Every structure is written in C-alpha cells, then in structure tokens.
C-alpha cells in the first residue's frame, strides 16, 4: 500500500490519468537494438484492451527488428484486474516460448500486483540500467531454467517454428 500523497499517475481532477504510450528505439554497445515501450497513466477496464494490443504489437515489431523489447512502467498505475490480465495476454506467447519481457521500474503497488499475479511472461527490474545489465549478461529472461531473450528466427512460409 502506498504512503503519502497519491502519485500524479493515480489522481487527476475528473478521474484517472489517460493512458499514453510511446516507443523509443536505441542501440546499446554489446547488446544491440532495444525497443522501450514507455507507458504513462492509468491502465483500467476502459483501456486494458488497447494496452494489451499495443504491447503485443510492440513485442512483435521488436522481434521482427531483432531488438530487445522492454516495457517501462515507471509512470503507470494498474487500476484493475483487467490491467494485469492484459499484460498476461500480451506476454503469453513469450512465456510459452521460454522467454519473458523485461518490465522496468514499476511503482511499488504495480510491482506487488505483478508479483501476486505470478505472470510467467515478464521479468521485473528495478531500473532500465538493471534490465540492460541483465540482457547484456545473458541472464535468463524468465527465471531459473529459462533461456535468455533471443528474437525469434523468421519463419519461412510452410516451415514450422520450433
């Protein structure tokens, strides 16, 4: 539970802060391309589907560009169970392939919600630097026994993906 005044992402005259999404592409020495989806505002029942679709598209585009996808939740409030389920839906394909999305700097209440949900398709990091260090070191993306993030190989028409 939060102490002190509520964060600006939680409170705003007239209701919750609108959800804003922005993608930033960078190149890091020793790591290659990264694609960071920066989210800001409140994910609630009204916009959880849009958040899920944007995140799934972000992951797919990063995969196609051979970039490491990251999700920055430093300015997000998850207002309902739909918000957590949207993360699970968007990262489900990663989890099924033994990978996970690096989630950067969630606020304490968001981190607690993610920990309680136990989503296999995400790995939470305290900061962007920590996430990049883990990627550079090749640490498992989804916990013990899982392989590090590798963009999926392109699939040829008629070929099966393994």
C-alpha atoms as a PDB file:
ATOM      1  CA  UNK A   1       0.000   0.000   0.000  1.00  0.00           C
ATOM      2  CA  UNK A   2       1.260   3.492  -0.796  1.00  0.00           C
ATOM      3  CA  UNK A   3       2.060   6.012   1.891  1.00  0.00           C
ATOM      4  CA  UNK A   4       1.917   9.768   1.489  1.00  0.00           C
ATOM      5  CA  UNK A   5       0.052  11.603  -1.247  1.00  0.00           C
ATOM      6  CA  UNK A   6      -1.075   9.572  -4.275  1.00  0.00           C
ATOM      7  CA  UNK A   7       1.151   9.655  -7.328  1.00  0.00           C
ATOM      8  CA  UNK A   8       0.251  12.004 -10.207  1.00  0.00           C
ATOM      9  CA  UNK A   9      -0.478   8.957 -12.382  1.00  0.00           C
ATOM     10  CA  UNK A  10      -3.254   7.945  -9.959  1.00  0.00           C
ATOM     11  CA  UNK A  11      -5.027  11.191  -9.273  1.00  0.00           C
ATOM     12  CA  UNK A  12      -6.166  13.905 -11.569  1.00  0.00           C
ATOM     13  CA  UNK A  13      -9.175  16.182 -11.453  1.00  0.00           C
ATOM     14  CA  UNK A  14     -12.039  14.459 -13.212  1.00  0.00           C
ATOM     15  CA  UNK A  15     -10.696  10.901 -12.976  1.00  0.00           C
ATOM     16  CA  UNK A  16      -7.694   8.689 -13.695  1.00  0.00           C
ATOM     17  CA  UNK A  17      -4.814   9.866 -15.845  1.00  0.00           C
ATOM     18  CA  UNK A  18      -5.222   8.930 -19.521  1.00  0.00           C
ATOM     19  CA  UNK A  19      -3.013   6.148 -20.856  1.00  0.00           C
ATOM     20  CA  UNK A  20      -0.189   7.429 -23.035  1.00  0.00           C
ATOM     21  CA  UNK A  21       2.177   5.084 -24.898  1.00  0.00           C
ATOM     22  CA  UNK A  22       5.458   5.947 -26.615  1.00  0.00           C
ATOM     23  CA  UNK A  23       8.100   3.714 -28.186  1.00  0.00           C
ATOM     24  CA  UNK A  24      11.784   4.625 -28.058  1.00  0.00           C
ATOM     25  CA  UNK A  25      14.402   2.755 -30.120  1.00  0.00           C
ATOM     26  CA  UNK A  26      18.065   2.785 -29.095  1.00  0.00           C
ATOM     27  CA  UNK A  27      21.261   0.936 -29.891  1.00  0.00           C
ATOM     28  CA  UNK A  28      23.462  -0.187 -26.998  1.00  0.00           C
ATOM     29  CA  UNK A  29      27.061  -1.319 -27.414  1.00  0.00           C
ATOM     30  CA  UNK A  30      27.412  -5.007 -26.633  1.00  0.00           C
ATOM     31  CA  UNK A  31      23.652  -5.539 -26.674  1.00  0.00           C
ATOM     32  CA  UNK A  32      22.349  -4.251 -29.997  1.00  0.00           C
ATOM     33  CA  UNK A  33      18.958  -2.699 -30.523  1.00  0.00           C
ATOM     34  CA  UNK A  34      16.447  -2.157 -27.777  1.00  0.00           C
ATOM     35  CA  UNK A  35      12.865  -1.014 -28.066  1.00  0.00           C
ATOM     36  CA  UNK A  36      11.301   0.524 -24.969  1.00  0.00           C
ATOM     37  CA  UNK A  37       7.537   0.971 -24.729  1.00  0.00           C
ATOM     38  CA  UNK A  38       7.024   3.772 -22.220  1.00  0.00           C
ATOM     39  CA  UNK A  39       3.586   3.780 -20.668  1.00  0.00           C
ATOM     40  CA  UNK A  40       2.178   6.622 -18.597  1.00  0.00           C
ATOM     41  CA  UNK A  41      -1.153   6.994 -16.819  1.00  0.00           C
ATOM     42  CA  UNK A  42      -3.742   4.508 -15.674  1.00  0.00           C
ATOM     43  CA  UNK A  43      -4.500   1.115 -17.197  1.00  0.00           C
ATOM     44  CA  UNK A  44      -8.112   0.332 -16.325  1.00  0.00           C
ATOM     45  CA  UNK A  45     -11.058  -1.637 -17.692  1.00  0.00           C
ATOM     46  CA  UNK A  46     -11.710   1.065 -20.305  1.00  0.00           C
ATOM     47  CA  UNK A  47      -8.273   0.885 -21.935  1.00  0.00           C
ATOM     48  CA  UNK A  48      -6.807  -2.505 -20.911  1.00  0.00           C
ATOM     49  CA  UNK A  49      -7.563  -3.972 -24.343  1.00  0.00           C
ATOM     50  CA  UNK A  50      -5.785  -1.090 -26.109  1.00  0.00           C
ATOM     51  CA  UNK A  51      -2.816  -1.515 -23.760  1.00  0.00           C
ATOM     52  CA  UNK A  52      -2.712  -5.272 -24.477  1.00  0.00           C
ATOM     53  CA  UNK A  53      -2.827  -4.735 -28.244  1.00  0.00           C
ATOM     54  CA  UNK A  54      -0.152  -2.019 -28.145  1.00  0.00           C
ATOM     55  CA  UNK A  55       2.136  -4.189 -26.018  1.00  0.00           C
ATOM     56  CA  UNK A  56       1.649  -7.260 -28.231  1.00  0.00           C
ATOM     57  CA  UNK A  57       2.414  -5.145 -31.309  1.00  0.00           C
ATOM     58  CA  UNK A  58       5.492  -3.673 -29.586  1.00  0.00           C
ATOM     59  CA  UNK A  59       6.820  -7.173 -28.838  1.00  0.00           C
ATOM     60  CA  UNK A  60       6.121  -8.396 -32.380  1.00  0.00           C
ATOM     61  CA  UNK A  61       7.786  -5.379 -34.026  1.00  0.00           C
ATOM     62  CA  UNK A  62      10.835  -5.647 -31.763  1.00  0.00           C
ATOM     63  CA  UNK A  63      11.068  -9.337 -32.629  1.00  0.00           C
ATOM     64  CA  UNK A  64      10.934  -8.559 -36.367  1.00  0.00           C
ATOM     65  CA  UNK A  65      13.628  -5.888 -35.983  1.00  0.00           C
ATOM     66  CA  UNK A  66      15.822  -8.204 -33.827  1.00  0.00           C
ATOM     67  CA  UNK A  67      15.568  -5.738 -30.930  1.00  0.00           C
ATOM     68  CA  UNK A  68      15.180  -6.458 -27.222  1.00  0.00           C
ATOM     69  CA  UNK A  69      11.696  -5.298 -26.158  1.00  0.00           C
ATOM     70  CA  UNK A  70      11.287  -3.618 -22.774  1.00  0.00           C
ATOM     71  CA  UNK A  71       8.264  -2.136 -21.026  1.00  0.00           C
ATOM     72  CA  UNK A  72       8.747   0.948 -18.837  1.00  0.00           C
ATOM     73  CA  UNK A  73       6.030   1.071 -16.163  1.00  0.00           C
ATOM     74  CA  UNK A  74       7.626   3.788 -14.021  1.00  0.00           C
ATOM     75  CA  UNK A  75       4.659   6.123 -14.560  1.00  0.00           C
ATOM     76  CA  UNK A  76       1.772   3.626 -14.637  1.00  0.00           C
ATOM     77  CA  UNK A  77      -0.994   2.702 -12.256  1.00  0.00           C
ATOM     78  CA  UNK A  78      -2.779  -0.621 -12.798  1.00  0.00           C
ATOM     79  CA  UNK A  79      -6.332   0.125 -11.712  1.00  0.00           C
ATOM     80  CA  UNK A  80      -7.962  -3.295 -12.021  1.00  0.00           C
ATOM     81  CA  UNK A  81      -7.518  -6.978 -12.668  1.00  0.00           C
ATOM     82  CA  UNK A  82      -8.103  -6.326 -16.397  1.00  0.00           C
ATOM     83  CA  UNK A  83      -4.839  -4.381 -16.441  1.00  0.00           C
ATOM     84  CA  UNK A  84      -2.859  -7.332 -15.088  1.00  0.00           C
ATOM     85  CA  UNK A  85      -4.665  -9.752 -17.419  1.00  0.00           C
ATOM     86  CA  UNK A  86      -3.766  -7.505 -20.375  1.00  0.00           C
ATOM     87  CA  UNK A  87      -0.076  -7.917 -19.506  1.00  0.00           C
ATOM     88  CA  UNK A  88      -0.540 -11.676 -19.266  1.00  0.00           C
ATOM     89  CA  UNK A  89      -2.314 -11.864 -22.649  1.00  0.00           C
ATOM     90  CA  UNK A  90       0.327  -9.753 -24.401  1.00  0.00           C
ATOM     91  CA  UNK A  91       3.281 -11.668 -22.931  1.00  0.00           C
ATOM     92  CA  UNK A  92       1.729 -15.161 -23.078  1.00  0.00           C
ATOM     93  CA  UNK A  93       3.442 -16.094 -26.362  1.00  0.00           C
ATOM     94  CA  UNK A  94       6.806 -15.137 -24.859  1.00  0.00           C
ATOM     95  CA  UNK A  95       6.180 -17.285 -21.787  1.00  0.00           C
ATOM     96  CA  UNK A  96       5.158 -20.258 -23.929  1.00  0.00           C
ATOM     97  CA  UNK A  97       8.448 -19.982 -25.834  1.00  0.00           C
ATOM     98  CA  UNK A  98      10.522 -19.774 -22.635  1.00  0.00           C
ATOM     99  CA  UNK A  99      11.141 -16.037 -22.879  1.00  0.00           C
ATOM    100  CA  UNK A 100       9.989 -13.047 -20.872  1.00  0.00           C
ATOM    101  CA  UNK A 101       9.535  -9.311 -21.331  1.00  0.00           C
ATOM    102  CA  UNK A 102      11.722  -7.059 -19.196  1.00  0.00           C
ATOM    103  CA  UNK A 103       9.453  -4.740 -17.219  1.00  0.00           C
ATOM    104  CA  UNK A 104      11.278  -1.682 -15.947  1.00  0.00           C
ATOM    105  CA  UNK A 105      10.763   0.205 -12.707  1.00  0.00           C
ATOM    106  CA  UNK A 106       7.144  -0.471 -11.801  1.00  0.00           C
ATOM    107  CA  UNK A 107       5.818   1.521  -8.855  1.00  0.00           C
ATOM    108  CA  UNK A 108       5.542  -0.431  -5.593  1.00  0.00           C
ATOM    109  CA  UNK A 109       1.807  -1.141  -5.938  1.00  0.00           C
ATOM    110  CA  UNK A 110       2.284  -2.279  -9.542  1.00  0.00           C
ATOM    111  CA  UNK A 111       5.244  -4.472  -8.574  1.00  0.00           C
ATOM    112  CA  UNK A 112       3.110  -6.068  -5.837  1.00  0.00           C
ATOM    113  CA  UNK A 113       0.240  -6.705  -8.255  1.00  0.00           C
ATOM    114  CA  UNK A 114       2.625  -8.314 -10.759  1.00  0.00           C
ATOM    115  CA  UNK A 115       4.253 -10.442  -8.052  1.00  0.00           C
ATOM    116  CA  UNK A 116       0.845 -11.596  -6.794  1.00  0.00           C
ATOM    117  CA  UNK A 117      -0.243 -12.485 -10.326  1.00  0.00           C
ATOM    118  CA  UNK A 118       2.928 -14.503 -10.955  1.00  0.00           C
ATOM    119  CA  UNK A 119       2.968 -13.762 -14.687  1.00  0.00           C
ATOM    120  CA  UNK A 120       5.472 -16.077 -16.411  1.00  0.00           C
ATOM    121  CA  UNK A 121       5.923 -13.759 -19.415  1.00  0.00           C
ATOM    122  CA  UNK A 122       7.534 -10.892 -17.519  1.00  0.00           C
ATOM    123  CA  UNK A 123      10.672 -10.215 -15.528  1.00  0.00           C
ATOM    124  CA  UNK A 124      10.645  -7.123 -13.309  1.00  0.00           C
ATOM    125  CA  UNK A 125      13.742  -4.914 -12.991  1.00  0.00           C
ATOM    126  CA  UNK A 126      14.311  -2.020 -10.580  1.00  0.00           C
ATOM    127  CA  UNK A 127      15.659   0.241 -13.331  1.00  0.00           C
ATOM    128  CA  UNK A 128      16.429   0.401 -17.032  1.00  0.00           C
ATOM    129  CA  UNK A 129      20.127   0.014 -16.203  1.00  0.00           C
ATOM    130  CA  UNK A 130      19.412  -3.226 -14.300  1.00  0.00           C
ATOM    131  CA  UNK A 131      17.344  -4.585 -17.193  1.00  0.00           C
ATOM    132  CA  UNK A 132      20.069  -3.744 -19.712  1.00  0.00           C
ATOM    133  CA  UNK A 133      22.745  -5.279 -17.476  1.00  0.00           C
ATOM    134  CA  UNK A 134      20.708  -8.494 -17.249  1.00  0.00           C
ATOM    135  CA  UNK A 135      20.242  -8.581 -21.026  1.00  0.00           C
ATOM    136  CA  UNK A 136      23.931  -7.886 -21.657  1.00  0.00           C
ATOM    137  CA  UNK A 137      24.959 -10.614 -19.209  1.00  0.00           C
ATOM    138  CA  UNK A 138      22.594 -13.029 -20.926  1.00  0.00           C
ATOM    139  CA  UNK A 139      20.743 -13.794 -17.693  1.00  0.00           C
ATOM    140  CA  UNK A 140      17.631 -15.895 -18.107  1.00  0.00           C
ATOM    141  CA  UNK A 141      14.720 -13.710 -19.080  1.00  0.00           C
ATOM    142  CA  UNK A 142      12.080 -15.587 -17.169  1.00  0.00           C
ATOM    143  CA  UNK A 143      13.768 -17.006 -14.123  1.00  0.00           C
ATOM    144  CA  UNK A 144      15.710 -20.164 -13.309  1.00  0.00           C
ATOM    145  CA  UNK A 145      15.887 -22.717 -16.079  1.00  0.00           C
ATOM    146  CA  UNK A 146      14.740 -20.386 -18.845  1.00  0.00           C
ATOM    147  CA  UNK A 147      16.888 -19.245 -21.714  1.00  0.00           C
ATOM    148  CA  UNK A 148      17.900 -15.604 -22.294  1.00  0.00           C
ATOM    149  CA  UNK A 149      15.887 -13.423 -24.675  1.00  0.00           C
ATOM    150  CA  UNK A 150      16.607 -14.091 -28.301  1.00  0.00           C
ATOM    151  CA  UNK A 151      14.463 -12.579 -31.032  1.00  0.00           C
ATOM    152  CA  UNK A 152      12.597 -15.330 -32.833  1.00  0.00           C
ATOM    153  CA  UNK A 153      14.044 -16.500 -36.109  1.00  0.00           C
ATOM    154  CA  UNK A 154      11.993 -15.520 -39.147  1.00  0.00           C
ATOM    155  CA  UNK A 155       9.563 -18.196 -40.199  1.00  0.00           C
ATOM    156  CA  UNK A 156       9.614 -19.280 -43.821  1.00  0.00           C
ATOM    157  CA  UNK A 157       6.300 -19.957 -45.451  1.00  0.00           C
ATOM    158  CA  UNK A 158       5.448 -23.598 -44.933  1.00  0.00           C
ATOM    159  CA  UNK A 159       8.116 -24.047 -42.236  1.00  0.00           C
ATOM    160  CA  UNK A 160       7.252 -24.962 -38.655  1.00  0.00           C
ATOM    161  CA  UNK A 161       8.594 -22.865 -35.843  1.00  0.00           C
ATOM    162  CA  UNK A 162      10.282 -24.822 -33.013  1.00  0.00           C
END
